[in-house]
Amino acid sequence: MGVPAHLEVEVRPPSPFRLGRGSADRTLRVQGGIATRLLTVDCAPVLARAWMRGPGLVAFRADAIDPGRLTIPVPCEETRRAGREELATAIERMRFATGVDEDMSAFHQRFRRDPLVGPIIRRRPDFRPLRRPWPWEALAQAVCGQLIEASRAATIERRIVGRWGARLGEGRGALLDTPPAALIAGRAPAELQSMDLSGGRSVALRKLAVLAAAGRCDIASPDSDARLLAISEIGPWTIRCLALFGRGDMDSLPAGDLGYIKLVGHLANLGRRATVPEVEEFYAPYEPYRGLVGSLTLAGLHRMVSDGPRLPLAA
């Protein structure tokens, strides 16, 4: 039996579902109802796609890409064509990123009458946090987003992807992959800093990449958190972003996020931005879904922050 050129599966989500938006770094694109992502699986490039095939049915497809088609190659010593195992992994990672397999019924049942969350659930019963296919991507994204506005963080991410990510196609329609940990580990901090990442975070991102690439730290496991936190510039907010967006922990709340600090300041009528402990206290009743509820309220009530009066910092 020959190596398959593609693999396709159909999934019936256990809860209401629709494809979300694309990623801030533009590696995941959603156009015409089709989510598309270039993935590198064990040095093999794969084109992964997902789309709604009908009511309550989602199709996932992974196509093996000839490495020679890439306009910027996969950063591996020896690239190869994807086989069945790599195609299956690409689909599994896309299923994780989209959250298609998450059963939201227990969450909906518990909070459907909640005065804050209930109305948003009714408007957006298909909501899931937008995850990253690989834990490394979530960790790198978190480092880029520390203590700055989301728009600036997205610009930094796009610069890093555009500089070092594998590329399929040309121009604005090209698909790009996020640079793996091994590639970032080989960059000098000054190169990362030239992407507008601060000096301290450039050093931290490289240290994280060295750990992950060398296999000395399994960032997919919470057991690695203590080692990650020992690195300067890495704090609880970064680890919680990794847990929520890279591991799928629905209870992980990145309470130090500027969006939450502003939102809770409005929702709690503080007349100022909330402190991190105040954010944690506000979302405490939603355990074990604090991260999910945080993402849901931030998405459903974002205009309250963007259109409302500017709140001063907490004293």
Protein backbone atom coordinates (compact mmCIF):
# COMPACT_ATOMS: atom_id res chain seq x y z
CA MET A 1 0.00 0.00 0.00
CA GLY A 2 1.42 3.38 -1.01
CA VAL A 3 1.79 6.46 1.14
CA PRO A 4 -1.50 8.45 1.09
CA ALA A 5 -1.42 11.92 -0.44
CA HIS A 6 -4.13 13.10 1.90
CA LEU A 7 -6.30 12.08 4.83
CA GLU A 8 -9.85 13.24 5.56
CA VAL A 9 -12.15 12.69 8.53
CA GLU A 10 -15.62 13.89 9.50
CA VAL A 11 -16.50 14.95 13.04
CA ARG A 12 -19.88 15.47 14.69
CA PRO A 13 -19.27 18.04 17.44
CA PRO A 14 -20.96 17.13 20.75
CA SER A 15 -22.03 20.78 21.21
CA PRO A 16 -22.98 23.69 18.93
CA PHE A 17 -19.96 24.56 16.83
CA ARG A 18 -18.74 26.87 14.11
CA LEU A 19 -15.28 27.74 12.85
CA GLY A 20 -13.90 30.77 14.62
CA ARG A 21 -11.71 33.55 13.34
CA GLY A 22 -8.15 33.29 12.11
CA SER A 23 -5.12 33.72 14.37
CA ALA A 24 -3.54 37.07 15.15
CA ASP A 25 -0.26 36.05 13.50
CA ARG A 26 -2.20 35.06 10.34
CA THR A 27 -0.90 31.49 10.28
CA LEU A 28 -4.49 30.22 10.63
CA ARG A 29 -6.76 31.70 7.99
CA VAL A 30 -10.52 31.39 7.80
CA GLN A 31 -11.86 32.44 4.39
CA GLY A 32 -14.99 31.36 2.60
CA GLY A 33 -15.91 29.12 5.51
CA ILE A 34 -12.64 27.15 5.29
CA ALA A 35 -9.96 27.23 7.98
CA THR A 36 -6.50 26.66 6.52
CA ARG A 37 -3.16 26.15 8.21
CA LEU A 38 0.33 25.16 7.09
CA LEU A 39 1.78 22.81 9.70
CA THR A 40 5.16 21.17 10.08
CA VAL A 41 4.86 17.69 11.58
CA ASP A 42 8.21 16.01 12.29
CA CYS A 43 9.93 17.91 9.46
CA ALA A 44 7.12 17.14 7.00
CA PRO A 45 4.99 20.04 5.67
CA VAL A 46 1.22 19.48 5.75
CA LEU A 47 -1.64 21.61 4.48
CA ALA A 48 -4.47 21.22 7.02
CA ARG A 49 -8.03 22.44 6.43
CA ALA A 50 -11.41 22.34 8.16
CA TRP A 51 -14.89 23.34 7.02
CA MET A 52 -18.56 22.80 7.85
CA ARG A 53 -19.82 20.02 5.61
CA GLY A 54 -23.40 20.36 6.78
CA PRO A 55 -25.48 20.95 9.91
CA GLY A 56 -23.59 19.42 12.82
CA LEU A 57 -20.82 17.98 10.65
CA VAL A 58 -17.24 19.23 10.31
CA ALA A 59 -14.70 17.94 7.79
CA PHE A 60 -10.96 17.94 8.39
CA ARG A 61 -8.44 17.26 5.64
CA ALA A 62 -4.65 17.05 5.66
CA ASP A 63 -2.63 17.06 2.42
CA ALA A 64 1.01 16.05 2.14
CA ILE A 65 3.06 18.88 0.64
CA ASP A 66 6.12 18.26 -1.48
CA PRO A 67 8.88 20.09 0.47
CA GLY A 68 10.14 21.43 -2.85
CA ARG A 69 6.94 23.48 -3.23
CA LEU A 70 7.76 25.63 -0.22
CA THR A 71 9.05 29.08 -1.10
CA ILE A 72 10.69 29.21 2.33
CA PRO A 73 11.63 25.70 3.47
CA VAL A 74 10.80 23.91 6.69
CA PRO A 75 13.64 24.66 9.15
CA CYS A 76 14.88 21.07 9.47
CA GLU A 77 18.16 19.44 8.47
CA GLU A 78 16.26 16.91 6.39
CA THR A 79 12.69 17.54 5.24
CA ARG A 80 10.45 14.77 3.96
CA ARG A 81 7.01 14.14 2.59
CA ALA A 82 4.30 13.49 5.17
CA GLY A 83 3.01 9.96 5.62
CA ARG A 84 -0.18 8.66 7.20
CA GLU A 85 1.04 9.28 10.76
CA GLU A 86 1.97 12.90 10.08
CA LEU A 87 -1.33 13.55 8.30
CA ALA A 88 -3.26 12.08 11.23
CA THR A 89 -1.28 14.24 13.65
CA ALA A 90 -2.04 17.37 11.62
CA ILE A 91 -5.77 16.63 11.76
CA GLU A 92 -5.58 15.92 15.50
CA ARG A 93 -3.84 19.25 16.06
CA MET A 94 -6.45 21.11 14.01
CA ARG A 95 -9.21 19.41 15.99
CA PHE A 96 -7.55 20.59 19.20
CA ALA A 97 -7.05 24.14 17.91
CA THR A 98 -10.69 24.50 16.84
CA GLY A 99 -12.08 22.81 19.98
CA VAL A 100 -14.45 20.75 17.85
CA ASP A 101 -14.41 17.81 20.28
CA GLU A 102 -15.24 19.84 23.40
CA ASP A 103 -18.57 18.97 25.02
CA MET A 104 -19.88 22.30 26.33
CA SER A 105 -23.21 20.97 27.64
CA ALA A 106 -22.21 20.85 31.32
CA PHE A 107 -20.90 24.41 31.14
CA HIS A 108 -24.02 25.68 29.38
CA GLN A 109 -26.29 23.88 31.83
CA ARG A 110 -24.55 25.32 34.87
CA PHE A 111 -24.33 28.95 33.73
CA ARG A 112 -27.20 29.45 31.31
CA ARG A 113 -29.08 31.52 33.91
CA ASP A 114 -26.02 33.39 35.18
CA PRO A 115 -26.75 37.13 34.85
CA LEU A 116 -23.36 37.85 33.26
CA VAL A 117 -22.54 34.72 31.28
CA GLY A 118 -26.04 33.44 30.42
CA PRO A 119 -26.91 36.11 27.81
CA ILE A 120 -23.52 35.63 26.10
CA ILE A 121 -23.99 31.85 26.02
CA ARG A 122 -27.36 32.32 24.35
CA ARG A 123 -25.81 34.63 21.75
CA ARG A 124 -22.72 32.50 21.23
CA PRO A 125 -23.41 28.87 22.18
CA ASP A 126 -20.65 27.79 19.81
CA PHE A 127 -17.90 29.83 21.48
CA ARG A 128 -14.52 28.26 22.23
CA PRO A 129 -11.20 29.94 23.09
CA LEU A 130 -8.98 30.08 20.01
CA ARG A 131 -6.21 27.61 20.79
CA ARG A 132 -2.86 27.09 19.10
CA PRO A 133 -2.09 23.74 17.44
CA TRP A 134 1.14 23.26 19.44
CA PRO A 135 1.97 24.27 23.03
CA TRP A 136 5.15 25.99 21.82
CA GLU A 137 3.09 28.40 19.73
CA ALA A 138 0.94 29.35 22.73
CA LEU A 139 4.01 29.92 24.88
CA ALA A 140 5.78 32.05 22.28
CA GLN A 141 2.59 34.03 21.67
CA ALA A 142 2.29 34.72 25.40
CA VAL A 143 5.85 36.02 25.63
CA CYS A 144 5.22 38.35 22.69
CA GLY A 145 2.06 39.65 24.36
CA GLN A 146 3.39 40.43 27.83
CA LEU A 147 2.28 43.83 29.15
CA ILE A 148 1.44 45.34 25.74
CA GLU A 149 -1.68 45.95 23.71
CA ALA A 150 -2.97 43.03 21.65
CA SER A 151 -2.47 44.89 18.36
CA ARG A 152 1.21 45.50 19.04
CA ALA A 153 1.70 41.89 20.16
CA ALA A 154 0.08 40.65 16.93
CA THR A 155 2.47 42.81 14.90
CA ILE A 156 5.47 41.28 16.69
CA GLU A 157 4.12 37.78 16.07
CA ARG A 158 3.59 38.48 12.38
CA ARG A 159 7.13 39.83 12.04
CA ILE A 160 8.60 36.69 13.61
CA VAL A 161 6.47 34.42 11.42
CA GLY A 162 7.31 36.43 8.30
CA ARG A 163 11.04 36.39 9.07
CA TRP A 164 11.56 32.74 10.03
CA GLY A 165 8.43 30.71 9.32
CA ALA A 166 8.09 28.17 6.51
CA ARG A 167 6.10 29.55 3.56
CA LEU A 168 3.86 28.04 0.90
CA GLY A 169 3.05 30.35 -1.99
CA GLU A 170 3.90 33.96 -2.75
CA GLY A 171 2.58 37.39 -1.84
CA ARG A 172 -0.37 38.12 0.41
CA GLY A 173 -1.95 34.74 -0.31
CA ALA A 174 1.05 32.76 0.98
CA LEU A 175 0.53 30.42 3.92
CA LEU A 176 3.08 30.59 6.74
CA ASP A 177 3.96 28.36 9.66
CA THR A 178 5.10 29.47 13.10
CA PRO A 179 8.87 29.04 13.57
CA PRO A 180 9.56 25.99 15.78
CA ALA A 181 11.42 26.14 19.05
CA ALA A 182 14.61 24.75 17.47
CA LEU A 183 14.81 27.67 15.05
CA ILE A 184 14.19 30.34 17.71
CA ALA A 185 16.79 28.64 19.91
CA GLY A 186 19.36 29.39 17.22
CA ARG A 187 18.56 33.10 17.02
CA ALA A 188 20.52 35.72 18.90
CA PRO A 189 18.46 37.83 21.35
CA ALA A 190 19.34 40.89 19.26
CA GLU A 191 17.61 39.31 16.24
CA LEU A 192 14.45 38.77 18.27
CA GLN A 193 14.69 42.27 19.69
CA SER A 194 14.75 43.67 16.14
CA MET A 195 11.16 42.34 15.83
CA ASP A 196 10.17 44.93 18.54
CA LEU A 197 10.33 42.36 21.33
CA SER A 198 11.91 43.89 24.44
CA GLY A 199 15.45 42.88 25.38
CA GLY A 200 14.42 40.91 28.45
CA ARG A 201 11.67 39.04 26.64
CA SER A 202 13.96 38.30 23.71
CA VAL A 203 16.36 36.57 26.08
CA ALA A 204 13.48 34.77 27.80
CA LEU A 205 11.96 33.53 24.52
CA ARG A 206 15.31 32.14 23.40
CA LYS A 207 15.83 30.38 26.76
CA LEU A 208 12.39 28.82 26.51
CA ALA A 209 13.13 27.69 22.96
CA VAL A 210 16.41 26.09 24.01
CA LEU A 211 14.64 24.15 26.77
CA ALA A 212 11.83 23.00 24.50
CA ALA A 213 14.04 22.14 21.51
CA ALA A 214 16.50 20.13 23.61
CA GLY A 215 13.68 18.09 25.13
CA ARG A 216 14.71 19.13 28.65
CA CYS A 217 11.28 20.58 29.35
CA ASP A 218 7.94 19.15 28.20
CA ILE A 219 5.93 22.34 27.91
CA ALA A 220 2.81 20.32 27.09
CA SER A 221 2.76 19.13 30.71
CA PRO A 222 1.95 21.24 33.80
CA ASP A 223 4.90 19.48 35.46
CA SER A 224 7.14 21.84 33.50
CA ASP A 225 5.64 25.01 34.98
CA ALA A 226 8.08 25.37 37.88
CA ARG A 227 11.04 25.20 35.50
CA LEU A 228 9.46 27.71 33.14
CA LEU A 229 8.71 30.12 35.99
CA ALA A 230 12.37 30.01 37.01
CA ILE A 231 13.24 31.92 33.83
CA SER A 232 13.38 35.69 34.23
CA GLU A 233 10.43 37.50 32.58
CA ILE A 234 8.21 34.39 32.81
CA GLY A 235 5.38 34.74 35.32
CA PRO A 236 1.94 33.31 36.08
CA TRP A 237 0.22 35.19 33.24
CA THR A 238 2.48 33.57 30.64
CA ILE A 239 2.01 30.09 32.12
CA ARG A 240 -1.76 30.50 32.26
CA CYS A 241 -1.83 31.54 28.60
CA LEU A 242 0.16 28.41 27.79
CA ALA A 243 -2.28 26.29 29.81
CA LEU A 244 -5.44 27.79 28.27
CA PHE A 245 -4.37 28.16 24.64
CA GLY A 246 -1.70 25.45 24.37
CA ARG A 247 -2.98 22.69 26.66
CA GLY A 248 -6.72 23.28 26.60
CA ASP A 249 -7.11 23.92 30.36
CA MET A 250 -10.53 25.66 30.53
CA ASP A 251 -9.91 26.78 34.12
CA SER A 252 -6.67 28.64 33.42
CA LEU A 253 -7.35 32.39 33.65
CA PRO A 254 -4.58 34.81 32.54
CA ALA A 255 -5.79 37.34 35.10
CA GLY A 256 -3.01 39.83 34.42
CA ASP A 257 -4.20 40.38 30.86
CA LEU A 258 -4.82 44.07 30.18
CA GLY A 259 -8.20 43.20 28.68
CA TYR A 260 -9.39 41.56 31.91
CA ILE A 261 -8.02 44.38 34.03
CA LYS A 262 -10.04 46.89 32.01
CA LEU A 263 -13.16 44.72 31.69
CA VAL A 264 -13.46 43.88 35.38
CA GLY A 265 -12.93 47.54 36.21
CA HIS A 266 -16.10 48.24 34.20
CA LEU A 267 -18.14 45.21 35.27
CA ALA A 268 -17.40 45.69 38.97
CA ASN A 269 -18.05 49.45 38.76
CA LEU A 270 -14.65 50.20 40.25
CA GLY A 271 -14.18 53.46 38.38
CA ARG A 272 -10.63 52.34 37.62
CA ARG A 273 -8.76 49.40 36.22
CA ALA A 274 -8.92 46.29 38.39
CA THR A 275 -5.94 44.73 40.10
CA VAL A 276 -4.94 41.16 39.29
CA PRO A 277 -6.33 39.86 42.63
CA GLU A 278 -9.62 41.64 41.87
CA VAL A 279 -9.78 39.95 38.46
CA GLU A 280 -9.16 36.56 40.07
CA GLU A 281 -11.82 37.21 42.70
CA PHE A 282 -14.33 38.29 40.05
CA TYR A 283 -13.96 35.06 38.07
CA ALA A 284 -13.57 32.72 41.08
CA PRO A 285 -17.29 31.65 41.08
CA TYR A 286 -16.83 30.19 37.59
CA GLU A 287 -14.34 27.50 38.57
CA PRO A 288 -13.54 25.07 36.84
CA TYR A 289 -14.27 27.20 33.77
CA ARG A 290 -12.54 30.46 34.72
CA GLY A 291 -10.42 30.61 31.58
CA LEU A 292 -13.36 29.78 29.36
CA VAL A 293 -15.59 32.39 31.03
CA GLY A 294 -12.81 34.96 30.85
CA SER A 295 -12.39 34.43 27.12
CA LEU A 296 -16.17 34.40 26.62
CA THR A 297 -16.75 37.67 28.46
CA LEU A 298 -13.77 39.35 26.83
CA ALA A 299 -15.09 38.36 23.39
CA GLY A 300 -18.75 39.09 24.16
CA LEU A 301 -18.24 42.38 26.00
CA HIS A 302 -15.16 43.80 24.29
CA ARG A 303 -17.01 46.91 23.18
CA MET A 304 -17.55 47.81 26.81
CA VAL A 305 -13.80 48.20 27.08
CA SER A 306 -13.11 49.75 23.68
CA ASP A 307 -16.05 52.18 23.69
CA GLY A 308 -16.24 52.98 27.40
CA PRO A 309 -14.44 55.76 29.28
CA ARG A 310 -10.73 55.31 29.90
CA LEU A 311 -10.18 53.89 33.38
CA PRO A 312 -7.27 55.07 35.51
CA LEU A 313 -4.80 52.59 36.94
CA ALA A 314 -5.44 51.06 40.35
CA ALA A 315 -3.75 52.93 43.15
